[in-house]
Protein backbone atom coordinates (compact mmCIF):
# COMPACT_ATOMS: atom_id res chain seq x y z
CA UNK A 1 -16.37 -41.58 7.51
CA UNK A 2 -20.02 -40.53 6.72
CA UNK A 3 -20.47 -37.79 4.14
CA UNK A 4 -23.37 -36.75 5.59
CA UNK A 5 -22.72 -33.91 8.71
CA UNK A 6 -25.55 -32.38 10.33
CA UNK A 7 -24.74 -29.05 11.90
CA UNK A 8 -25.50 -27.76 15.43
CA UNK A 9 -27.12 -24.12 16.13
CA UNK A 10 -23.84 -22.83 16.96
CA UNK A 11 -22.28 -24.50 13.28
CA UNK A 12 -24.86 -22.98 11.51
CA UNK A 13 -25.08 -19.43 13.13
CA UNK A 14 -21.15 -19.69 12.39
CA UNK A 15 -20.79 -21.08 8.68
CA UNK A 16 -19.42 -19.18 6.43
CA UNK A 17 -18.81 -20.67 2.46
CA UNK A 18 -15.95 -19.92 0.00
CA UNK A 19 -13.96 -21.55 -3.03
CA UNK A 20 -11.40 -21.27 -5.10
CA UNK A 21 -9.03 -18.70 -3.44
CA UNK A 22 -6.45 -19.64 -5.64
CA UNK A 23 -3.14 -18.77 -2.78
CA UNK A 24 0.32 -18.38 -3.82
CA UNK A 25 -1.42 -18.98 -7.64
CA UNK A 26 1.14 -16.89 -10.31
CA UNK A 27 -0.74 -16.59 -13.06
CA UNK A 28 -2.13 -13.30 -13.63
CA UNK A 29 -5.21 -14.72 -15.10
CA UNK A 30 -6.10 -15.37 -11.82
CA UNK A 31 -4.62 -12.18 -9.42
CA UNK A 32 -4.81 -9.69 -12.34
CA UNK A 33 -8.03 -10.48 -13.03
CA UNK A 34 -8.78 -10.33 -9.38
CA UNK A 35 -7.43 -6.19 -9.35
CA UNK A 36 -3.81 -7.33 -7.62
CA UNK A 37 -0.21 -6.80 -9.22
CA UNK A 38 1.11 -9.68 -7.67
CA UNK A 39 -0.24 -12.72 -6.01
CA UNK A 40 1.50 -11.98 -2.70
CA UNK A 41 -1.04 -8.93 -2.80
CA UNK A 42 -3.63 -10.91 -2.97
CA UNK A 43 -2.49 -14.18 -0.63
CA UNK A 44 -2.71 -10.95 2.18
CA UNK A 45 -5.79 -9.38 1.24
CA UNK A 46 -7.46 -12.59 0.59
CA UNK A 47 -6.82 -13.57 4.40
CA UNK A 48 -7.46 -9.77 5.70
CA UNK A 49 -10.97 -10.27 4.27
CA UNK A 50 -11.34 -13.83 5.53
CA UNK A 51 -10.58 -13.04 9.04
CA UNK A 52 -12.64 -9.74 8.67
CA UNK A 53 -15.76 -11.57 7.36
CA UNK A 54 -15.27 -14.75 9.61
CA UNK A 55 -14.24 -14.27 13.02
CA UNK A 56 -12.50 -15.75 15.57
CA UNK A 57 -15.38 -17.69 16.26
CA UNK A 58 -16.33 -18.57 12.38
CA UNK A 59 -16.21 -21.52 10.16
CA UNK A 60 -15.16 -21.92 6.55
CA UNK A 61 -16.69 -24.36 4.16
CA UNK A 62 -13.49 -23.86 1.64
CA UNK A 63 -15.38 -26.03 -1.83
CA UNK A 64 -11.46 -26.19 -3.12
CA UNK A 65 -8.93 -25.15 -4.60
CA UNK A 66 -7.49 -23.51 -1.36
CA UNK A 67 -3.80 -22.76 -3.29
CA UNK A 68 -1.28 -23.51 -5.96
CA UNK A 69 2.09 -23.77 -6.82
CA UNK A 70 2.79 -24.12 -2.54
CA UNK A 71 4.91 -25.60 -0.74
CA UNK A 72 3.80 -27.14 2.38
CA UNK A 73 6.12 -24.20 4.35
CA UNK A 74 3.95 -21.74 2.58
CA UNK A 75 0.43 -23.77 3.00
CA UNK A 76 0.93 -23.40 6.76
CA UNK A 77 1.99 -20.27 6.39
CA UNK A 78 -1.41 -19.33 4.92
CA UNK A 79 -3.61 -21.25 7.79
CA UNK A 80 -1.58 -20.09 10.55
CA UNK A 81 -2.49 -16.42 9.43
CA UNK A 82 -6.26 -16.88 9.43
CA UNK A 83 -7.67 -15.57 12.54
CA UNK A 84 -10.56 -18.52 12.38
CA UNK A 85 -11.62 -21.24 14.52
CA UNK A 86 -12.17 -23.98 11.94
CA UNK A 87 -11.27 -24.68 7.98
CA UNK A 88 -13.19 -27.43 6.54
CA UNK A 89 -12.04 -28.52 2.87
CA UNK A 90 -13.64 -30.40 0.43
CA UNK A 91 -11.01 -31.31 -1.96
CA UNK A 92 -10.66 -29.28 -5.74
CA UNK A 93 -8.56 -30.34 -8.66
CA UNK A 94 -5.88 -28.48 -6.94
CA UNK A 95 -5.33 -29.51 -3.86
CA UNK A 96 -2.15 -29.08 -2.76
CA UNK A 97 -0.24 -29.66 -0.25
CA UNK A 98 -3.62 -30.64 1.88
CA UNK A 99 -4.13 -33.98 -0.17
CA UNK A 100 -0.96 -34.54 -0.19
CA UNK A 101 0.28 -34.00 3.34
CA UNK A 102 -2.74 -34.46 5.47
CA UNK A 103 -5.35 -37.33 3.02
CA UNK A 104 -4.85 -39.39 5.79
CA UNK A 105 -6.10 -37.60 8.36
CA UNK A 106 -9.65 -36.12 9.49
CA UNK A 107 -8.65 -32.58 11.28
CA UNK A 108 -4.80 -30.94 12.17
CA UNK A 109 -4.30 -27.98 13.87
CA UNK A 110 -2.02 -25.25 12.38
CA UNK A 111 -2.21 -21.91 14.73
CA UNK A 112 -5.33 -21.21 16.06
CA UNK A 113 -7.49 -22.92 13.43
CA UNK A 114 -8.31 -26.56 13.22
CA UNK A 115 -8.37 -27.83 9.59
CA UNK A 116 -11.05 -30.50 9.15
CA UNK A 117 -11.00 -32.92 5.68
CA UNK A 118 -13.55 -33.60 4.22
CA UNK A 119 -12.99 -35.59 1.43
CA UNK A 120 -14.43 -34.90 -1.97
CA UNK A 121 -18.34 -34.24 -1.40
CA UNK A 122 -20.14 -33.34 1.69
CA UNK A 123 -23.95 -33.29 1.98
CA UNK A 124 -24.51 -30.59 5.29
CA UNK A 125 -27.89 -30.75 6.63
CA UNK A 126 -29.42 -28.58 9.39
CA UNK A 127 -33.55 -28.13 10.67
CA UNK A 128 -34.79 -29.60 7.14
CA UNK A 129 -32.26 -27.34 5.14
CA UNK A 130 -30.13 -29.57 2.75
CA UNK A 131 -26.10 -28.37 1.04
CA UNK A 132 -24.90 -30.38 -1.37
CA UNK A 133 -21.14 -29.56 -1.58
CA UNK A 134 -19.12 -31.00 -4.13
CA UNK A 135 -16.04 -28.76 -5.89
CA UNK A 136 -17.69 -29.64 -9.65
CA UNK A 137 -21.35 -28.25 -10.47
CA UNK A 138 -22.80 -31.27 -11.25
CA UNK A 139 -26.45 -31.74 -13.41
CA UNK A 140 -28.19 -33.35 -10.69
CA UNK A 141 -27.60 -33.64 -7.07
CA UNK A 142 -29.07 -35.61 -4.03
CA UNK A 143 -32.42 -34.01 -2.56
CA UNK A 144 -33.19 -31.89 -5.38
CA UNK A 145 -36.54 -32.27 -6.01
CA UNK A 146 -36.75 -31.65 -2.49
CA UNK A 147 -35.02 -28.20 -2.62
CA UNK A 148 -31.70 -29.36 -1.26
CA UNK A 149 -29.09 -26.44 -2.31
CA UNK A 150 -25.61 -27.58 -4.80
CA UNK A 151 -22.62 -25.60 -3.51
CA UNK A 152 -19.99 -25.47 -5.51
CA UNK A 153 -16.61 -23.97 -7.47
CA UNK A 154 -14.19 -24.71 -10.30
CA UNK A 155 -15.95 -22.73 -12.61
CA UNK A 156 -14.37 -19.05 -11.41
CA UNK A 157 -18.08 -17.33 -12.72
CA UNK A 158 -18.17 -18.73 -16.07
CA UNK A 159 -20.94 -20.89 -15.33
CA UNK A 160 -24.57 -19.22 -16.19
CA UNK A 161 -26.17 -21.90 -15.12
CA UNK A 162 -24.92 -21.49 -11.11
CA UNK A 163 -24.30 -17.08 -11.17
CA UNK A 164 -26.46 -15.68 -8.53
CA UNK A 165 -29.06 -14.12 -10.84
CA UNK A 166 -29.78 -17.64 -12.82
CA UNK A 167 -33.18 -18.61 -11.07
CA UNK A 168 -33.53 -22.30 -13.07
CA UNK A 169 -31.97 -24.39 -10.22
CA UNK A 170 -31.05 -23.92 -6.52
CA UNK A 171 -27.03 -24.25 -7.67
CA UNK A 172 -24.59 -21.41 -6.75
CA UNK A 173 -21.06 -21.02 -7.61
CA UNK A 174 -19.82 -20.11 -4.21
CA UNK A 175 -16.20 -18.65 -5.77
CA UNK A 176 -14.01 -15.99 -4.26
CA UNK A 177 -14.26 -14.33 -8.36
CA UNK A 178 -17.89 -13.98 -7.53
CA UNK A 179 -18.51 -12.73 -3.91
CA UNK A 180 -15.01 -12.02 -3.79
CA UNK A 181 -15.46 -12.67 0.33
CA UNK A 182 -16.93 -15.72 2.10
CA UNK A 183 -20.63 -15.75 2.35
CA UNK A 184 -22.55 -16.78 5.30
CA UNK A 185 -24.54 -19.69 5.26
CA UNK A 186 -28.26 -17.30 5.41
CA UNK A 187 -26.40 -15.07 2.46
CA UNK A 188 -26.40 -18.52 0.57
CA UNK A 189 -30.05 -19.09 1.43
CA UNK A 190 -30.87 -15.62 0.54
CA UNK A 191 -29.89 -16.02 -3.21
CA UNK A 192 -30.94 -19.39 -3.44
CA UNK A 193 -34.78 -18.51 -1.98
CA UNK A 194 -34.99 -16.78 -5.39
CA UNK A 195 -33.89 -19.62 -7.58
CA UNK A 196 -35.65 -23.20 -8.27
């Protein structure tokens, strides 16, 4: 499988990005920091926000750490509650049970959502634009000198160089803890237009 994906117009127009949702993470430093009293309320609210933001024709590019402390049945339940067309999954450092159960398949269907396994790294292209997608922030990336944009997660807003306000490089932490929702790819581009 190639690590390069060229978007169609339809994919570009319906593409949203997030990371580090941490569904089911039962530590208060995750759910309490987000304003919830327990992980169940957090799970329910994130699913509602994703469904309202991405929509039934939408594609969600998830840059890793979709869930933790989750059985395969719970994982399938989360996916089945998503009312979106496609979920593109990049591996993070917490991959249960997506990587454990589905690492040998490129795509699978749960409910109305087709889940695509993108592996650990993906270069996404659209009409001269390049998005380097990896769970972890990297110091330099492919085509950086030509304006490519690095989208990552993992840091939960704790890395200054990839904050939306930092303007030195075209790198962005797309994590849930920063934006509280998925970003449309054009929203990412607006932020990146002020960087590097």
